[in-house]
Amino acid sequence: MPNRDVHNMRESYESSFLLEENCDSNPFHQFDNWFQHAIDSKLIEPNAMTLATVGKNGQPSARIVLLKSFNKDGFVFYTNYESKKGGQMKENHKVAILFWWQERQVRIEGTVQKSSSELNDVYFHSRPTDSQLAATISDQSKIIPNRDFLDKLFQEKQVEFFDKEIPLKENWGGYIVVPSLFEFWQGRENRLHDRIQYTLLSEDSWKMERLAP
């Protein structure tokens, strides 16, 4: 393995700032403002987020998933309920998600709950047909013999469900991350970054504080 010199790899963030007087009192509104900015900046997949989970063995696990909707109730993504992350969230409903938008990041901590079967069905059947098939055939996180096994199964299902509606399996659906904490991070010059934290006090009531970088 090459001995790569990475200790001098760094960026200087100088394009923006985050002051309390510029923040919305509601973190969901603040998130929506930054999310729209990420879209307007034409960043690649601004809805990509890191999901961190911890099962009963205490070993954290993280992966990228895609945010599919959000509102005052939380942040929604979809997956196989029998996947590794699904198993960990069944054992421990506390999770964290992270969005990274070049000079900005948003950390969110909270709990997770399954979305309704009605919402799952509507979203599932809004996906492209091949994406529906992929979700149907994949025993996510399970060991399979090789790539050919997966491709053959996919081709068989394409034939089976040609011109037919693909049924939603019970082991696939959505989760809603219900936040109890937000942190908005804005990169600044000399590593003196802006960090604004919102902590849930009661329903729809949030405490805003500045954190040291």
N, C-alpha and C. Protein backbone atom coordinates (compact mmCIF):
# COMPACT_ATOMS: atom_id res chain seq x y z
N MET A 1 0.85 -1.20 0.00
CA MET A 1 0.00 0.00 0.00
C MET A 1 0.89 1.25 0.00
N PRO A 2 0.60 2.24 -0.87
CA PRO A 2 1.43 3.45 -0.89
C PRO A 2 1.25 4.27 0.38
N ASN A 3 2.31 4.92 0.78
CA ASN A 3 2.27 5.81 1.94
C ASN A 3 1.87 7.20 1.45
N ARG A 4 0.58 7.42 1.37
CA ARG A 4 0.08 8.67 0.80
C ARG A 4 0.23 9.83 1.80
N ASP A 5 0.62 10.97 1.29
CA ASP A 5 0.75 12.17 2.12
C ASP A 5 -0.59 12.90 2.10
N VAL A 6 -1.37 12.75 3.17
CA VAL A 6 -2.69 13.38 3.22
C VAL A 6 -2.79 14.48 4.27
N HIS A 7 -1.73 14.65 5.09
CA HIS A 7 -1.87 15.57 6.21
C HIS A 7 -1.94 17.03 5.77
N ASN A 8 -1.55 17.33 4.54
CA ASN A 8 -1.63 18.70 4.04
C ASN A 8 -2.84 18.93 3.14
N MET A 9 -3.72 17.95 3.04
CA MET A 9 -4.93 18.12 2.24
C MET A 9 -5.97 18.89 3.06
N ARG A 10 -6.28 20.08 2.64
CA ARG A 10 -7.25 20.91 3.36
C ARG A 10 -7.82 21.97 2.44
N GLU A 11 -9.02 22.41 2.77
CA GLU A 11 -9.66 23.50 2.04
C GLU A 11 -9.87 24.68 2.98
N SER A 12 -9.82 25.88 2.43
CA SER A 12 -10.11 27.08 3.20
C SER A 12 -11.51 27.55 2.82
N TYR A 13 -12.41 27.61 3.80
CA TYR A 13 -13.79 27.98 3.54
C TYR A 13 -13.98 29.47 3.80
N GLU A 14 -14.28 30.22 2.77
CA GLU A 14 -14.33 31.68 2.91
C GLU A 14 -15.55 32.31 2.23
N SER A 15 -16.46 31.48 1.73
CA SER A 15 -17.53 32.03 0.89
C SER A 15 -18.78 32.45 1.65
N SER A 16 -18.94 31.99 2.90
CA SER A 16 -20.18 32.30 3.60
C SER A 16 -19.96 32.25 5.11
N PHE A 17 -21.02 32.54 5.86
CA PHE A 17 -20.97 32.54 7.32
C PHE A 17 -22.35 32.22 7.85
N LEU A 18 -22.44 31.92 9.14
CA LEU A 18 -23.72 31.60 9.77
C LEU A 18 -23.79 32.28 11.12
N LEU A 19 -24.65 33.29 11.22
CA LEU A 19 -24.86 34.03 12.46
C LEU A 19 -26.27 33.76 12.98
N GLU A 20 -26.39 33.84 14.29
CA GLU A 20 -27.68 33.53 14.91
C GLU A 20 -28.82 34.36 14.34
N GLU A 21 -28.55 35.65 14.07
CA GLU A 21 -29.61 36.53 13.59
C GLU A 21 -30.07 36.17 12.17
N ASN A 22 -29.27 35.36 11.48
CA ASN A 22 -29.65 34.91 10.14
C ASN A 22 -30.33 33.55 10.14
N CYS A 23 -30.40 32.91 11.30
CA CYS A 23 -30.98 31.57 11.40
C CYS A 23 -32.47 31.64 11.69
N ASP A 24 -33.22 30.75 11.10
CA ASP A 24 -34.63 30.63 11.42
C ASP A 24 -34.78 30.01 12.80
N SER A 25 -35.78 30.42 13.54
CA SER A 25 -35.99 29.87 14.88
C SER A 25 -36.41 28.40 14.84
N ASN A 26 -36.92 27.96 13.69
CA ASN A 26 -37.34 26.56 13.51
C ASN A 26 -36.29 25.83 12.68
N PRO A 27 -35.67 24.77 13.21
CA PRO A 27 -34.60 24.10 12.47
C PRO A 27 -35.08 23.43 11.18
N PHE A 28 -36.35 23.03 11.13
CA PHE A 28 -36.86 22.45 9.88
C PHE A 28 -36.87 23.50 8.77
N HIS A 29 -37.24 24.74 9.11
CA HIS A 29 -37.22 25.82 8.12
C HIS A 29 -35.78 26.15 7.73
N GLN A 30 -34.87 26.15 8.71
CA GLN A 30 -33.47 26.40 8.41
C GLN A 30 -32.91 25.32 7.49
N PHE A 31 -33.28 24.07 7.76
CA PHE A 31 -32.86 22.98 6.89
C PHE A 31 -33.39 23.18 5.48
N ASP A 32 -34.65 23.54 5.36
CA ASP A 32 -35.25 23.72 4.04
C ASP A 32 -34.53 24.83 3.27
N ASN A 33 -34.13 25.90 3.96
CA ASN A 33 -33.39 26.99 3.31
C ASN A 33 -32.06 26.48 2.75
N TRP A 34 -31.33 25.72 3.57
CA TRP A 34 -30.03 25.20 3.13
C TRP A 34 -30.20 24.13 2.05
N PHE A 35 -31.23 23.31 2.17
CA PHE A 35 -31.48 22.28 1.17
C PHE A 35 -31.75 22.91 -0.19
N GLN A 36 -32.56 23.96 -0.18
CA GLN A 36 -32.85 24.65 -1.45
C GLN A 36 -31.58 25.27 -2.03
N HIS A 37 -30.73 25.81 -1.15
CA HIS A 37 -29.46 26.38 -1.62
C HIS A 37 -28.60 25.29 -2.27
N ALA A 38 -28.58 24.10 -1.69
CA ALA A 38 -27.81 22.99 -2.26
C ALA A 38 -28.36 22.61 -3.63
N ILE A 39 -29.68 22.63 -3.77
CA ILE A 39 -30.30 22.33 -5.07
C ILE A 39 -29.93 23.41 -6.09
N ASP A 40 -30.07 24.68 -5.67
CA ASP A 40 -29.77 25.79 -6.58
C ASP A 40 -28.30 25.80 -6.99
N SER A 41 -27.44 25.29 -6.11
CA SER A 41 -26.01 25.22 -6.41
C SER A 41 -25.66 24.05 -7.31
N LYS A 42 -26.67 23.25 -7.65
CA LYS A 42 -26.52 22.10 -8.55
C LYS A 42 -25.50 21.08 -8.02
N LEU A 43 -25.54 20.86 -6.71
CA LEU A 43 -24.70 19.83 -6.12
C LEU A 43 -25.25 18.46 -6.51
N ILE A 44 -24.36 17.49 -6.61
CA ILE A 44 -24.78 16.15 -6.98
C ILE A 44 -25.53 15.49 -5.83
N GLU A 45 -26.74 15.03 -6.09
CA GLU A 45 -27.59 14.35 -5.11
C GLU A 45 -27.57 15.04 -3.74
N PRO A 46 -28.12 16.24 -3.66
CA PRO A 46 -28.17 16.93 -2.36
C PRO A 46 -29.00 16.20 -1.32
N ASN A 47 -29.82 15.24 -1.77
CA ASN A 47 -30.64 14.46 -0.83
C ASN A 47 -29.90 13.22 -0.31
N ALA A 48 -28.64 13.03 -0.72
CA ALA A 48 -27.86 11.91 -0.17
C ALA A 48 -27.47 12.23 1.26
N MET A 49 -27.66 11.27 2.15
CA MET A 49 -27.34 11.50 3.57
C MET A 49 -26.72 10.24 4.16
N THR A 50 -25.81 10.46 5.08
CA THR A 50 -25.22 9.35 5.83
C THR A 50 -26.17 8.98 6.97
N LEU A 51 -26.51 7.71 7.05
CA LEU A 51 -27.34 7.21 8.14
C LEU A 51 -26.47 6.36 9.06
N ALA A 52 -26.41 6.72 10.32
CA ALA A 52 -25.64 5.97 11.31
C ALA A 52 -26.59 5.26 12.26
N THR A 53 -26.34 3.96 12.45
CA THR A 53 -27.16 3.13 13.33
C THR A 53 -26.26 2.33 14.26
N VAL A 54 -26.82 1.88 15.36
CA VAL A 54 -26.07 1.06 16.32
C VAL A 54 -26.99 -0.04 16.82
N GLY A 55 -26.59 -1.29 16.62
CA GLY A 55 -27.38 -2.41 17.12
C GLY A 55 -27.07 -2.72 18.57
N LYS A 56 -27.60 -3.84 19.05
CA LYS A 56 -27.45 -4.19 20.45
C LYS A 56 -26.02 -4.56 20.82
N ASN A 57 -25.17 -4.86 19.80
CA ASN A 57 -23.78 -5.19 20.10
C ASN A 57 -22.91 -3.95 20.28
N GLY A 58 -23.51 -2.76 20.07
CA GLY A 58 -22.79 -1.51 20.31
C GLY A 58 -21.87 -1.07 19.18
N GLN A 59 -21.82 -1.83 18.08
CA GLN A 59 -20.95 -1.47 16.96
C GLN A 59 -21.67 -0.52 16.01
N PRO A 60 -21.20 0.73 15.88
CA PRO A 60 -21.85 1.65 14.94
C PRO A 60 -21.65 1.20 13.49
N SER A 61 -22.60 1.55 12.65
CA SER A 61 -22.53 1.27 11.23
C SER A 61 -23.11 2.47 10.49
N ALA A 62 -22.48 2.83 9.36
CA ALA A 62 -22.95 4.00 8.60
C ALA A 62 -22.95 3.69 7.12
N ARG A 63 -23.88 4.32 6.40
CA ARG A 63 -23.99 4.14 4.96
C ARG A 63 -24.78 5.33 4.39
N ILE A 64 -24.68 5.52 3.07
CA ILE A 64 -25.42 6.58 2.40
C ILE A 64 -26.79 6.06 1.99
N VAL A 65 -27.83 6.82 2.31
CA VAL A 65 -29.18 6.55 1.81
C VAL A 65 -29.71 7.86 1.22
N LEU A 66 -30.86 7.79 0.57
CA LEU A 66 -31.42 8.98 -0.07
C LEU A 66 -32.66 9.46 0.67
N LEU A 67 -32.64 10.73 1.02
CA LEU A 67 -33.81 11.37 1.60
C LEU A 67 -34.90 11.47 0.53
N LYS A 68 -36.11 11.05 0.85
CA LYS A 68 -37.19 11.06 -0.12
C LYS A 68 -38.29 12.07 0.20
N SER A 69 -38.38 12.52 1.44
CA SER A 69 -39.30 13.59 1.79
C SER A 69 -38.98 14.05 3.21
N PHE A 70 -39.41 15.26 3.52
CA PHE A 70 -39.28 15.74 4.90
C PHE A 70 -40.33 16.81 5.15
N ASN A 71 -40.75 16.88 6.39
CA ASN A 71 -41.67 17.91 6.86
C ASN A 71 -41.48 18.04 8.36
N LYS A 72 -42.41 18.70 9.04
CA LYS A 72 -42.26 18.94 10.47
C LYS A 72 -42.25 17.65 11.30
N ASP A 73 -42.67 16.53 10.68
CA ASP A 73 -42.70 15.26 11.41
C ASP A 73 -41.39 14.50 11.32
N GLY A 74 -40.54 14.83 10.33
CA GLY A 74 -39.27 14.13 10.24
C GLY A 74 -38.79 13.93 8.81
N PHE A 75 -37.76 13.09 8.68
CA PHE A 75 -37.07 12.86 7.42
C PHE A 75 -37.27 11.41 6.99
N VAL A 76 -37.73 11.21 5.77
CA VAL A 76 -38.16 9.88 5.31
C VAL A 76 -37.17 9.29 4.30
N PHE A 77 -36.81 8.02 4.52
CA PHE A 77 -36.05 7.26 3.53
C PHE A 77 -36.63 5.85 3.48
N TYR A 78 -36.24 5.09 2.43
CA TYR A 78 -36.80 3.76 2.23
C TYR A 78 -35.70 2.72 2.12
N THR A 79 -36.01 1.50 2.57
CA THR A 79 -35.02 0.43 2.53
C THR A 79 -35.71 -0.91 2.78
N ASN A 80 -34.90 -1.95 2.79
CA ASN A 80 -35.38 -3.29 3.14
C ASN A 80 -35.37 -3.40 4.67
N TYR A 81 -36.50 -3.73 5.25
CA TYR A 81 -36.59 -3.82 6.71
C TYR A 81 -35.71 -4.94 7.29
N GLU A 82 -35.34 -5.92 6.44
CA GLU A 82 -34.53 -7.04 6.91
C GLU A 82 -33.04 -6.86 6.60
N SER A 83 -32.66 -5.67 6.15
CA SER A 83 -31.26 -5.36 5.90
C SER A 83 -30.51 -5.18 7.21
N LYS A 84 -29.20 -5.00 7.12
CA LYS A 84 -28.41 -4.79 8.33
C LYS A 84 -28.89 -3.56 9.10
N LYS A 85 -29.11 -2.47 8.39
CA LYS A 85 -29.57 -1.26 9.07
C LYS A 85 -30.97 -1.44 9.64
N GLY A 86 -31.81 -2.21 8.90
CA GLY A 86 -33.14 -2.47 9.43
C GLY A 86 -33.09 -3.26 10.73
N GLY A 87 -32.19 -4.25 10.78
CA GLY A 87 -32.03 -5.03 12.01
C GLY A 87 -31.52 -4.19 13.16
N GLN A 88 -30.56 -3.29 12.87
CA GLN A 88 -30.03 -2.44 13.93
C GLN A 88 -31.08 -1.46 14.43
N MET A 89 -31.88 -0.91 13.52
CA MET A 89 -32.91 0.04 13.95
C MET A 89 -34.02 -0.65 14.73
N LYS A 90 -34.22 -1.93 14.48
CA LYS A 90 -35.19 -2.69 15.27
C LYS A 90 -34.67 -2.88 16.69
N GLU A 91 -33.36 -3.08 16.83
CA GLU A 91 -32.74 -3.27 18.14
C GLU A 91 -32.56 -1.96 18.90
N ASN A 92 -32.32 -0.88 18.16
CA ASN A 92 -32.05 0.41 18.78
C ASN A 92 -32.62 1.50 17.88
N HIS A 93 -33.64 2.19 18.35
CA HIS A 93 -34.34 3.16 17.49
C HIS A 93 -33.66 4.53 17.45
N LYS A 94 -32.51 4.67 18.12
CA LYS A 94 -31.78 5.94 18.07
C LYS A 94 -30.84 5.94 16.86
N VAL A 95 -30.90 7.01 16.06
CA VAL A 95 -30.09 7.10 14.84
C VAL A 95 -29.55 8.52 14.68
N ALA A 96 -28.65 8.67 13.72
CA ALA A 96 -28.16 10.00 13.32
C ALA A 96 -28.07 10.03 11.81
N ILE A 97 -28.32 11.20 11.22
CA ILE A 97 -28.15 11.39 9.79
C ILE A 97 -27.28 12.62 9.56
N LEU A 98 -26.58 12.63 8.43
CA LEU A 98 -25.65 13.71 8.13
C LEU A 98 -25.75 14.07 6.65
N PHE A 99 -25.90 15.37 6.39
CA PHE A 99 -25.86 15.89 5.03
C PHE A 99 -24.57 16.69 4.86
N TRP A 100 -23.87 16.49 3.73
CA TRP A 100 -22.63 17.22 3.45
C TRP A 100 -22.79 17.95 2.13
N TRP A 101 -22.74 19.29 2.18
CA TRP A 101 -22.91 20.12 0.99
C TRP A 101 -21.69 21.04 0.83
N GLN A 102 -20.54 20.44 0.53
CA GLN A 102 -19.29 21.16 0.29
C GLN A 102 -18.87 21.98 1.51
N GLU A 103 -19.27 23.24 1.61
CA GLU A 103 -18.85 24.07 2.75
C GLU A 103 -19.87 24.05 3.89
N ARG A 104 -20.86 23.17 3.76
CA ARG A 104 -21.88 23.10 4.80
C ARG A 104 -22.17 21.64 5.14
N GLN A 105 -22.53 21.43 6.40
CA GLN A 105 -23.06 20.12 6.77
C GLN A 105 -24.16 20.30 7.80
N VAL A 106 -25.08 19.35 7.82
CA VAL A 106 -26.15 19.34 8.82
C VAL A 106 -26.16 17.98 9.49
N ARG A 107 -26.00 17.98 10.81
CA ARG A 107 -26.10 16.77 11.61
C ARG A 107 -27.46 16.75 12.28
N ILE A 108 -28.11 15.58 12.26
CA ILE A 108 -29.41 15.43 12.90
C ILE A 108 -29.40 14.15 13.73
N GLU A 109 -29.80 14.26 14.98
CA GLU A 109 -29.92 13.10 15.86
C GLU A 109 -31.38 12.95 16.28
N GLY A 110 -31.80 11.70 16.47
CA GLY A 110 -33.17 11.48 16.89
C GLY A 110 -33.51 10.02 16.96
N THR A 111 -34.77 9.73 16.80
CA THR A 111 -35.27 8.35 16.83
C THR A 111 -35.94 8.04 15.49
N VAL A 112 -36.12 6.75 15.23
CA VAL A 112 -36.67 6.34 13.95
C VAL A 112 -37.91 5.48 14.17
N GLN A 113 -38.85 5.61 13.26
CA GLN A 113 -40.06 4.79 13.29
C GLN A 113 -40.45 4.46 11.85
N LYS A 114 -41.16 3.36 11.67
CA LYS A 114 -41.57 2.96 10.33
C LYS A 114 -42.68 3.87 9.83
N SER A 115 -42.67 4.13 8.53
CA SER A 115 -43.75 4.87 7.90
C SER A 115 -44.94 3.94 7.65
N SER A 116 -46.07 4.52 7.30
CA SER A 116 -47.28 3.72 7.12
C SER A 116 -47.20 2.86 5.86
N SER A 117 -47.92 1.76 5.85
CA SER A 117 -47.96 0.88 4.69
C SER A 117 -48.55 1.61 3.48
N GLU A 118 -49.48 2.54 3.73
CA GLU A 118 -50.08 3.31 2.64
C GLU A 118 -49.03 4.20 1.98
N LEU A 119 -48.21 4.87 2.78
CA LEU A 119 -47.15 5.72 2.25
C LEU A 119 -46.11 4.88 1.50
N ASN A 120 -45.79 3.72 2.07
CA ASN A 120 -44.82 2.83 1.42
C ASN A 120 -45.31 2.41 0.03
N ASP A 121 -46.59 2.05 -0.06
CA ASP A 121 -47.14 1.57 -1.32
C ASP A 121 -47.14 2.67 -2.38
N VAL A 122 -47.52 3.87 -1.98
CA VAL A 122 -47.55 4.99 -2.92
C VAL A 122 -46.15 5.28 -3.45
N TYR A 123 -45.17 5.33 -2.54
CA TYR A 123 -43.81 5.63 -3.00
C TYR A 123 -43.25 4.49 -3.86
N PHE A 124 -43.44 3.24 -3.40
CA PHE A 124 -42.90 2.09 -4.13
C PHE A 124 -43.36 2.10 -5.58
N HIS A 125 -44.64 2.34 -5.80
CA HIS A 125 -45.18 2.27 -7.15
C HIS A 125 -44.96 3.56 -7.95
N SER A 126 -44.33 4.55 -7.32
CA SER A 126 -43.91 5.75 -8.06
C SER A 126 -42.51 5.57 -8.63
N ARG A 127 -41.81 4.52 -8.19
CA ARG A 127 -40.44 4.29 -8.66
C ARG A 127 -40.44 3.68 -10.06
N PRO A 128 -39.33 3.84 -10.81
CA PRO A 128 -39.24 3.15 -12.10
C PRO A 128 -39.42 1.64 -11.91
N THR A 129 -39.97 0.99 -12.93
CA THR A 129 -40.28 -0.44 -12.84
C THR A 129 -39.06 -1.27 -12.45
N ASP A 130 -37.92 -0.99 -13.07
CA ASP A 130 -36.72 -1.78 -12.76
C ASP A 130 -36.26 -1.56 -11.32
N SER A 131 -36.49 -0.38 -10.77
CA SER A 131 -36.15 -0.13 -9.37
C SER A 131 -37.08 -0.92 -8.44
N GLN A 132 -38.35 -1.04 -8.83
CA GLN A 132 -39.28 -1.87 -8.07
C GLN A 132 -38.82 -3.33 -8.08
N LEU A 133 -38.41 -3.79 -9.25
CA LEU A 133 -37.93 -5.17 -9.37
C LEU A 133 -36.69 -5.40 -8.52
N ALA A 134 -35.78 -4.44 -8.55
CA ALA A 134 -34.55 -4.58 -7.78
C ALA A 134 -34.85 -4.70 -6.29
N ALA A 135 -35.79 -3.88 -5.80
CA ALA A 135 -36.16 -3.96 -4.39
C ALA A 135 -36.84 -5.29 -4.07
N THR A 136 -37.55 -5.84 -5.04
CA THR A 136 -38.27 -7.09 -4.83
C THR A 136 -37.34 -8.29 -4.74
N ILE A 137 -36.30 -8.32 -5.57
CA ILE A 137 -35.44 -9.51 -5.63
C ILE A 137 -34.30 -9.48 -4.61
N SER A 138 -33.94 -8.30 -4.10
CA SER A 138 -32.74 -8.20 -3.28
C SER A 138 -33.01 -8.51 -1.81
N ASP A 139 -32.35 -9.55 -1.30
CA ASP A 139 -32.33 -9.80 0.14
C ASP A 139 -31.19 -8.97 0.71
N GLN A 140 -31.43 -7.70 0.84
CA GLN A 140 -30.37 -6.72 1.13
C GLN A 140 -29.52 -7.12 2.33
N SER A 141 -28.21 -7.01 2.16
CA SER A 141 -27.18 -7.30 3.16
C SER A 141 -26.90 -8.80 3.32
N LYS A 142 -27.68 -9.65 2.65
CA LYS A 142 -27.42 -11.09 2.73
C LYS A 142 -26.32 -11.50 1.74
N ILE A 143 -25.59 -12.55 2.06
CA ILE A 143 -24.53 -13.05 1.18
C ILE A 143 -25.15 -13.78 -0.01
N ILE A 144 -24.66 -13.47 -1.21
CA ILE A 144 -25.10 -14.17 -2.43
C ILE A 144 -23.86 -14.75 -3.11
N PRO A 145 -24.04 -15.77 -3.98
CA PRO A 145 -22.88 -16.47 -4.54
C PRO A 145 -22.03 -15.64 -5.49
N ASN A 146 -22.67 -14.82 -6.33
CA ASN A 146 -21.92 -14.03 -7.31
C ASN A 146 -22.87 -13.05 -7.99
N ARG A 147 -22.31 -12.22 -8.89
CA ARG A 147 -23.10 -11.22 -9.60
C ARG A 147 -24.07 -11.88 -10.57
N ASP A 148 -23.64 -12.99 -11.21
CA ASP A 148 -24.51 -13.67 -12.17
C ASP A 148 -25.82 -14.12 -11.53
N PHE A 149 -25.74 -14.55 -10.27
CA PHE A 149 -26.94 -14.97 -9.54
C PHE A 149 -27.95 -13.83 -9.48
N LEU A 150 -27.46 -12.62 -9.20
CA LEU A 150 -28.34 -11.45 -9.08
C LEU A 150 -28.91 -11.06 -10.44
N ASP A 151 -28.07 -11.04 -11.46
CA ASP A 151 -28.52 -10.65 -12.80
C ASP A 151 -29.56 -11.63 -13.35
N LYS A 152 -29.34 -12.93 -13.11
CA LYS A 152 -30.28 -13.93 -13.59
C LYS A 152 -31.64 -13.78 -12.90
N LEU A 153 -31.61 -13.56 -11.59
CA LEU A 153 -32.85 -13.39 -10.85
C LEU A 153 -33.61 -12.16 -11.33
N PHE A 154 -32.88 -11.09 -11.61
CA PHE A 154 -33.50 -9.87 -12.11
C PHE A 154 -34.16 -10.11 -13.47
N GLN A 155 -33.47 -10.81 -14.35
CA GLN A 155 -34.02 -11.10 -15.68
C GLN A 155 -35.26 -11.98 -15.59
N GLU A 156 -35.24 -12.93 -14.67
CA GLU A 156 -36.41 -13.80 -14.50
C GLU A 156 -37.62 -12.99 -14.04
N LYS A 157 -37.39 -12.06 -13.12
CA LYS A 157 -38.50 -11.24 -12.62
C LYS A 157 -39.00 -10.26 -13.67
N GLN A 158 -38.10 -9.80 -14.54
CA GLN A 158 -38.55 -8.94 -15.64
C GLN A 158 -39.56 -9.67 -16.52
N VAL A 159 -39.30 -10.94 -16.75
CA VAL A 159 -40.22 -11.76 -17.56
C VAL A 159 -41.51 -12.02 -16.78
N GLU A 160 -41.38 -12.38 -15.52
CA GLU A 160 -42.55 -12.73 -14.70
C GLU A 160 -43.52 -11.56 -14.56
N PHE A 161 -42.98 -10.37 -14.39
CA PHE A 161 -43.84 -9.21 -14.13
C PHE A 161 -43.99 -8.30 -15.35
N PHE A 162 -43.67 -8.83 -16.53
CA PHE A 162 -43.83 -8.01 -17.74
C PHE A 162 -45.29 -7.56 -17.89
N ASP A 163 -45.46 -6.25 -17.95
CA ASP A 163 -46.79 -5.66 -18.14
C ASP A 163 -47.73 -5.96 -16.97
N LYS A 164 -47.17 -6.25 -15.79
CA LYS A 164 -47.98 -6.50 -14.60
C LYS A 164 -47.54 -5.56 -13.47
N GLU A 165 -48.44 -5.30 -12.54
CA GLU A 165 -48.06 -4.51 -11.37
C GLU A 165 -47.21 -5.37 -10.44
N ILE A 166 -46.15 -4.80 -9.94
CA ILE A 166 -45.25 -5.50 -9.03
C ILE A 166 -45.74 -5.28 -7.60
N PRO A 167 -46.03 -6.35 -6.86
CA PRO A 167 -46.55 -6.17 -5.50
C PRO A 167 -45.45 -5.71 -4.53
N LEU A 168 -45.84 -4.88 -3.60
CA LEU A 168 -44.91 -4.42 -2.56
C LEU A 168 -44.75 -5.52 -1.51
N LYS A 169 -43.52 -5.92 -1.26
CA LYS A 169 -43.27 -6.93 -0.24
C LYS A 169 -43.34 -6.31 1.16
N GLU A 170 -43.72 -7.10 2.13
CA GLU A 170 -43.89 -6.60 3.50
C GLU A 170 -42.56 -6.20 4.13
N ASN A 171 -41.45 -6.71 3.58
CA ASN A 171 -40.16 -6.42 4.19
C ASN A 171 -39.49 -5.18 3.59
N TRP A 172 -40.23 -4.38 2.84
CA TRP A 172 -39.67 -3.18 2.24
C TRP A 172 -40.57 -1.99 2.56
N GLY A 173 -39.93 -0.87 2.95
CA GLY A 173 -40.74 0.31 3.25
C GLY A 173 -39.90 1.44 3.79
N GLY A 174 -40.58 2.40 4.37
CA GLY A 174 -39.93 3.62 4.80
C GLY A 174 -39.70 3.72 6.29
N TYR A 175 -38.78 4.60 6.63
CA TYR A 175 -38.53 5.01 8.02
C TYR A 175 -38.62 6.52 8.10
N ILE A 176 -39.06 7.00 9.24
CA ILE A 176 -39.10 8.44 9.51
C ILE A 176 -38.15 8.73 10.66
N VAL A 177 -37.15 9.57 10.40
CA VAL A 177 -36.25 10.01 11.46
C VAL A 177 -36.87 11.24 12.12
N VAL A 178 -37.18 11.11 13.40
CA VAL A 178 -37.81 12.19 14.16
C VAL A 178 -36.73 12.88 14.98
N PRO A 179 -36.35 14.12 14.62
CA PRO A 179 -35.19 14.76 15.24
C PRO A 179 -35.43 15.25 16.66
N SER A 180 -34.37 15.18 17.47
CA SER A 180 -34.34 15.84 18.77
C SER A 180 -33.19 16.84 18.83
N LEU A 181 -32.32 16.81 17.80
CA LEU A 181 -31.18 17.72 17.74
C LEU A 181 -30.77 17.97 16.29
N PHE A 182 -30.52 19.23 15.97
CA PHE A 182 -29.94 19.63 14.68
C PHE A 182 -28.64 20.38 14.96
N GLU A 183 -27.66 20.20 14.09
CA GLU A 183 -26.50 21.09 14.11
C GLU A 183 -26.19 21.53 12.69
N PHE A 184 -26.15 22.84 12.48
CA PHE A 184 -25.82 23.42 11.19
C PHE A 184 -24.38 23.93 11.25
N TRP A 185 -23.55 23.41 10.36
CA TRP A 185 -22.11 23.71 10.33
C TRP A 185 -21.78 24.45 9.05
N GLN A 186 -21.19 25.62 9.20
CA GLN A 186 -20.75 26.42 8.05
C GLN A 186 -19.24 26.57 8.13
N GLY A 187 -18.53 26.10 7.11
CA GLY A 187 -17.09 26.23 7.08
C GLY A 187 -16.66 27.69 7.04
N ARG A 188 -15.65 28.02 7.84
CA ARG A 188 -15.11 29.39 7.87
C ARG A 188 -13.60 29.36 7.78
N GLU A 189 -13.03 30.52 7.53
CA GLU A 189 -11.59 30.66 7.39
C GLU A 189 -10.87 30.31 8.70
N ASN A 190 -9.66 29.76 8.59
CA ASN A 190 -8.81 29.43 9.73
C ASN A 190 -9.41 28.38 10.66
N ARG A 191 -10.33 27.59 10.13
CA ARG A 191 -10.98 26.52 10.90
C ARG A 191 -11.84 27.05 12.06
N LEU A 192 -12.16 28.35 12.03
CA LEU A 192 -13.07 28.90 13.04
C LEU A 192 -14.49 28.83 12.50
N HIS A 193 -14.97 27.60 12.36
CA HIS A 193 -16.24 27.34 11.71
C HIS A 193 -17.42 27.82 12.56
N ASP A 194 -18.53 28.10 11.89
CA ASP A 194 -19.78 28.41 12.58
C ASP A 194 -20.55 27.13 12.82
N ARG A 195 -21.00 26.95 14.07
CA ARG A 195 -21.80 25.78 14.42
C ARG A 195 -22.99 26.24 15.26
N ILE A 196 -24.19 26.05 14.71
CA ILE A 196 -25.42 26.43 15.41
C ILE A 196 -26.22 25.17 15.70
N GLN A 197 -26.49 24.97 16.97
CA GLN A 197 -27.19 23.76 17.42
C GLN A 197 -28.61 24.10 17.89
N TYR A 198 -29.56 23.26 17.49
CA TYR A 198 -30.94 23.36 17.96
C TYR A 198 -31.25 22.10 18.77
N THR A 199 -31.73 22.28 20.00
CA THR A 199 -32.10 21.16 20.85
C THR A 199 -33.60 21.22 21.15
N LEU A 200 -34.28 20.10 20.98
CA LEU A 200 -35.71 20.06 21.21
C LEU A 200 -36.02 20.17 22.70
N LEU A 201 -36.85 21.15 23.06
CA LEU A 201 -37.28 21.32 24.45
C LEU A 201 -38.64 20.68 24.68
N SER A 202 -39.55 20.94 23.79
CA SER A 202 -40.89 20.35 23.81
C SER A 202 -41.41 20.41 22.39
N GLU A 203 -42.59 19.93 22.15
CA GLU A 203 -43.12 19.90 20.80
C GLU A 203 -43.09 21.29 20.16
N ASP A 204 -42.38 21.40 19.03
CA ASP A 204 -42.26 22.66 18.27
C ASP A 204 -41.53 23.76 19.02
N SER A 205 -40.81 23.43 20.08
CA SER A 205 -40.03 24.42 20.82
C SER A 205 -38.56 23.97 20.83
N TRP A 206 -37.69 24.84 20.30
CA TRP A 206 -36.28 24.51 20.14
C TRP A 206 -35.39 25.56 20.78
N LYS A 207 -34.30 25.11 21.37
CA LYS A 207 -33.30 26.01 21.95
C LYS A 207 -32.12 26.12 20.99
N MET A 208 -31.75 27.35 20.63
CA MET A 208 -30.65 27.58 19.72
C MET A 208 -29.40 28.00 20.49
N GLU A 209 -28.26 27.38 20.17
CA GLU A 209 -27.00 27.71 20.84
C GLU A 209 -25.86 27.65 19.82
N ARG A 210 -24.80 28.42 20.09
CA ARG A 210 -23.59 28.36 19.27
C ARG A 210 -22.59 27.43 19.94
N LEU A 211 -21.94 26.57 19.12
CA LEU A 211 -20.93 25.67 19.61
C LEU A 211 -19.55 26.13 19.14
N ALA A 212 -18.55 25.86 19.96
CA ALA A 212 -17.17 26.15 19.55
C ALA A 212 -16.80 25.25 18.38
N PRO A 213 -15.99 25.74 17.43
CA PRO A 213 -15.62 24.92 16.28
C PRO A 213 -14.68 23.78 16.66
